């Protein structure tokens, strides 16, 4: 199926999970392992975050995205592969500072429940495939109070 091909331009409709205008397409996945293709146009980005449960692996297919991690920023090249461990050491955000498209695959395990932190947004999310007391699957956004000092 063409939608399962990393080079097709068939994108999933709906919300922008990147926070910064990325196109996304979920690839075939199982209960634990999954992958998503992202495409960033010039000026688009994926918001800086880290997972408490999931590990992620980024594979650059096209373009030269700029990667931000706790160690700083660096420009990636086509074919680069980067591992993001669970926890604060695996924090990452990606943006496209170039004038051409950038496309990459993010592969990860999908633990449930999962907690994700967004330091720049001051938010933490808790999510699970199981239902909650709301009658729907667990999805909670917590706004972190500003720290004094």
Protein backbone atom coordinates (compact mmCIF):
# COMPACT_ATOMS: atom_id res chain seq x y z
CA UNK A 1 0.00 0.00 0.00
CA UNK A 2 1.41 3.41 -0.98
CA UNK A 3 0.47 4.98 2.37
CA UNK A 4 2.91 2.57 4.07
CA UNK A 5 5.82 3.78 1.95
CA UNK A 6 8.22 6.33 3.52
CA UNK A 7 8.42 8.17 0.18
CA UNK A 8 4.70 8.53 -0.52
CA UNK A 9 3.09 11.92 0.03
CA UNK A 10 -0.07 10.51 1.64
CA UNK A 11 -0.29 12.13 5.09
CA UNK A 12 -2.54 11.37 8.04
CA UNK A 13 -5.29 13.97 8.44
CA UNK A 14 -6.00 15.62 11.75
CA UNK A 15 -4.12 17.20 14.58
CA UNK A 16 -0.52 18.30 14.27
CA UNK A 17 1.19 16.20 16.95
CA UNK A 18 4.51 17.95 16.29
CA UNK A 19 3.25 21.31 17.52
CA UNK A 20 5.05 23.07 14.70
CA UNK A 21 3.38 22.33 11.38
CA UNK A 22 4.85 18.92 10.52
CA UNK A 23 3.09 16.48 8.25
CA UNK A 24 2.91 12.98 9.73
CA UNK A 25 2.09 9.44 8.61
CA UNK A 26 1.92 6.44 10.92
CA UNK A 27 3.53 3.35 9.46
CA UNK A 28 2.31 -0.19 10.21
CA UNK A 29 2.70 -0.90 13.93
CA UNK A 30 2.22 -3.55 16.53
CA UNK A 31 1.26 -3.35 20.19
CA UNK A 32 4.81 -2.38 21.24
CA UNK A 33 6.79 -1.16 18.22
CA UNK A 34 5.76 1.62 15.86
CA UNK A 35 7.10 4.24 13.49
CA UNK A 36 5.95 7.54 12.03
CA UNK A 37 7.26 9.48 9.03
CA UNK A 38 7.44 13.25 9.53
CA UNK A 39 8.01 15.95 6.96
CA UNK A 40 9.03 19.45 7.99
CA UNK A 41 8.73 22.31 5.56
CA UNK A 42 11.05 25.30 5.93
CA UNK A 43 10.44 26.88 9.34
CA UNK A 44 8.44 23.92 10.70
CA UNK A 45 9.43 22.07 13.87
CA UNK A 46 8.70 19.26 16.30
CA UNK A 47 8.35 20.53 19.86
CA UNK A 48 11.12 19.79 22.40
CA UNK A 49 10.08 16.89 24.67
CA UNK A 50 11.11 13.67 26.39
CA UNK A 51 9.39 10.42 27.28
CA UNK A 52 9.53 8.68 30.65
CA UNK A 53 8.75 5.26 29.17
CA UNK A 54 9.52 5.20 25.45
CA UNK A 55 12.83 5.13 23.65
CA UNK A 56 12.94 6.69 20.18
CA UNK A 57 15.18 6.33 17.16
CA UNK A 58 15.32 9.02 14.45
CA UNK A 59 16.40 8.21 10.88
CA UNK A 60 16.91 11.18 8.55
CA UNK A 61 15.67 10.39 5.04
CA UNK A 62 15.85 13.79 3.35
CA UNK A 63 17.13 17.26 4.16
CA UNK A 64 19.23 18.68 6.97
CA UNK A 65 17.07 19.11 10.08
CA UNK A 66 18.46 20.84 13.16
CA UNK A 67 18.33 18.64 16.25
CA UNK A 68 18.16 20.12 19.75
CA UNK A 69 19.12 17.90 22.71
CA UNK A 70 20.34 18.62 26.25
CA UNK A 71 23.86 18.72 24.73
CA UNK A 72 22.96 21.59 22.37
CA UNK A 73 22.06 21.85 18.70
CA UNK A 74 23.49 20.21 15.60
CA UNK A 75 22.52 19.90 11.96
CA UNK A 76 21.83 16.34 10.84
CA UNK A 77 22.53 14.93 7.39
CA UNK A 78 20.63 12.47 5.24
CA UNK A 79 21.20 8.97 6.60
CA UNK A 80 21.98 10.09 10.17
CA UNK A 81 20.47 7.94 12.93
CA UNK A 82 20.02 9.25 16.49
CA UNK A 83 18.85 7.35 19.59
CA UNK A 84 16.85 9.08 22.35
CA UNK A 85 16.73 7.15 25.64
CA UNK A 86 13.82 7.45 28.05
CA UNK A 87 14.10 10.27 30.58
CA UNK A 88 15.51 13.81 30.51
CA UNK A 89 18.74 12.71 28.79
CA UNK A 90 16.64 11.77 25.75
CA UNK A 91 14.99 15.19 25.36
CA UNK A 92 14.84 16.32 21.75
CA UNK A 93 13.25 18.73 19.32
CA UNK A 94 13.70 19.03 15.58
CA UNK A 95 13.30 22.04 13.31
CA UNK A 96 13.91 22.81 9.68
CA UNK A 97 16.09 25.90 9.27
CA UNK A 98 16.81 25.12 5.61
CA UNK A 99 14.91 26.18 2.49
CA UNK A 100 14.01 22.62 1.43
CA UNK A 101 11.87 19.82 2.86
CA UNK A 102 13.18 17.56 5.58
CA UNK A 103 11.78 14.05 6.08
CA UNK A 104 12.58 11.58 8.84
CA UNK A 105 11.28 8.45 10.51
CA UNK A 106 10.78 8.17 14.28
CA UNK A 107 10.71 4.58 15.54
CA UNK A 108 9.73 3.86 19.14
CA UNK A 109 8.30 1.39 21.54
CA UNK A 110 4.87 2.44 22.81
CA UNK A 111 4.54 1.73 26.53
CA UNK A 112 1.18 2.25 28.15
CA UNK A 113 0.83 4.18 30.33
CA UNK A 114 3.31 6.85 29.21
CA UNK A 115 4.31 10.24 30.58
CA UNK A 116 5.82 12.91 28.31
CA UNK A 117 7.30 16.24 29.40
CA UNK A 118 7.46 19.41 27.30
CA UNK A 119 9.95 21.70 29.12
CA UNK A 120 9.50 24.70 26.78
CA UNK A 121 5.71 24.54 27.14
CA UNK A 122 5.70 23.84 30.88
CA UNK A 123 3.49 20.80 30.34
CA UNK A 124 3.43 17.12 31.24
CA UNK A 125 1.06 14.63 29.61
CA UNK A 126 -0.09 11.27 30.93
CA UNK A 127 -1.62 8.88 28.42
CA UNK A 128 -2.63 5.25 28.08
CA UNK A 129 -4.44 2.95 25.70
CA UNK A 130 -6.70 1.91 28.58
CA UNK A 131 -9.84 3.72 29.65
CA UNK A 132 -10.04 6.19 32.50
CA UNK A 133 -12.79 7.38 34.81
CA UNK A 134 -13.82 9.80 32.06
CA UNK A 135 -15.05 6.86 29.96
CA UNK A 136 -12.42 7.51 27.31
CA UNK A 137 -8.77 6.50 27.04
CA UNK A 138 -6.46 8.25 29.46
CA UNK A 139 -5.17 11.58 28.12
CA UNK A 140 -4.25 14.25 30.64
CA UNK A 141 -2.33 17.51 30.21
CA UNK A 142 -0.83 19.04 33.36
CA UNK A 143 0.43 22.63 33.31
CA UNK A 144 3.54 22.84 35.49
CA UNK A 145 3.45 25.86 37.82
CA UNK A 146 6.33 28.30 37.24
CA UNK A 147 9.29 27.75 39.57
CA UNK A 148 10.35 30.56 41.89
CA UNK A 149 13.80 31.90 41.59
